[in-house]
Protein backbone atom coordinates (compact mmCIF):
# COMPACT_ATOMS: atom_id res chain seq x y z
CA MET A 1 -28.69 12.88 16.43
CA ASP A 2 -30.39 14.37 19.21
CA GLY A 3 -29.53 15.60 22.08
CA LEU A 4 -30.28 18.33 24.76
CA ASN A 5 -27.52 21.61 25.38
CA PHE A 6 -24.64 21.38 22.38
CA ALA A 7 -22.73 24.38 22.66
CA SER A 8 -20.98 26.10 19.54
CA ASP A 9 -18.22 24.65 20.49
CA VAL A 10 -19.60 21.13 20.07
CA GLN A 11 -17.19 17.95 18.59
CA VAL A 12 -18.48 14.53 17.88
CA TYR A 13 -15.42 11.41 17.96
CA PHE A 14 -15.96 8.94 15.88
CA GLY A 15 -13.87 6.15 18.04
CA ASP A 16 -10.39 8.56 17.78
CA ASN A 17 -11.95 10.72 14.64
CA LEU A 18 -12.98 13.59 14.92
CA ALA A 19 -16.64 14.04 12.70
CA GLU A 20 -17.19 17.26 10.35
CA ILE A 21 -20.31 19.04 11.48
CA ILE A 22 -23.26 19.65 9.21
CA ASP A 23 -25.46 21.22 10.55
CA SER A 24 -26.20 22.42 14.96
CA GLY A 25 -28.04 23.31 16.72
CA PRO A 26 -29.37 23.40 21.12
CA ALA A 27 -30.70 19.99 20.48
CA GLN A 28 -29.66 18.88 17.68
CA LEU A 29 -26.94 17.09 15.57
CA VAL A 30 -25.85 16.68 11.65
CA VAL A 31 -22.80 14.76 11.49
CA LYS A 32 -20.42 13.31 8.34
CA ALA A 33 -19.34 10.14 9.97
CA PRO A 34 -15.56 10.41 9.44
CA ASN A 35 -13.36 7.71 7.04
CA PRO A 36 -12.97 4.48 9.54
CA THR A 37 -9.52 3.73 10.83
CA ILE A 38 -9.14 0.06 9.41
CA GLY A 39 -6.56 -2.54 9.58
CA PHE A 40 -5.87 -5.47 11.35
CA GLY A 41 -7.27 -5.86 14.82
CA LYS A 42 -9.38 -2.82 13.80
CA PRO A 43 -13.37 -3.20 14.98
CA SER A 44 -15.86 -1.99 12.56
CA THR A 45 -18.37 -1.11 16.11
CA ILE A 46 -16.63 1.75 17.36
CA ASN A 47 -18.42 4.09 19.96
CA VAL A 48 -19.36 7.62 19.11
CA THR A 49 -18.66 10.50 21.84
CA VAL A 50 -20.22 14.06 21.41
CA LEU A 51 -17.57 16.90 23.81
CA THR A 52 -19.74 20.09 24.52
CA ASN A 53 -19.48 22.62 27.30
CA GLY A 54 -16.53 20.71 28.81
CA TYR A 55 -18.55 17.68 29.64
CA SER A 56 -17.95 14.49 27.24
CA SER A 57 -21.03 11.54 26.83
CA PRO A 58 -20.65 8.76 28.23
CA ALA A 59 -20.44 5.46 26.30
CA SER A 60 -22.36 3.32 25.85
CA PRO A 61 -24.13 0.31 23.58
CA ALA A 62 -26.81 3.02 22.40
CA ASP A 63 -23.74 4.95 21.03
CA GLU A 64 -21.98 2.70 18.86
CA PHE A 65 -21.68 2.98 15.12
CA THR A 66 -21.16 0.34 12.46
CA TYR A 67 -19.18 0.72 9.55
CA LEU A 68 -20.41 -1.31 6.89
CA GLU A 69 -17.49 -3.64 5.09
CA ARG A 70 -17.78 -1.52 1.73
CA HIS A 71 -17.46 -3.94 -1.82
CA GLY A 72 -16.27 -3.01 -5.39
CA LEU A 73 -18.99 -2.40 -7.57
């Protein structure tokens, strides 16, 4: 994901789940999406929130992530 002024304390949440930071720089992050919280009534599309420098990104449709349904092979 691209952005501005990401600090060393950056955290990314997919809904309530903390993502693993793979690589980070001041203007770009590479994260691994955490396993979804699944179950009856749980949405497959969730907000992605970035926390850095004491600030939180606003939630908007542009910041949503959709988990695709996995089928056994």
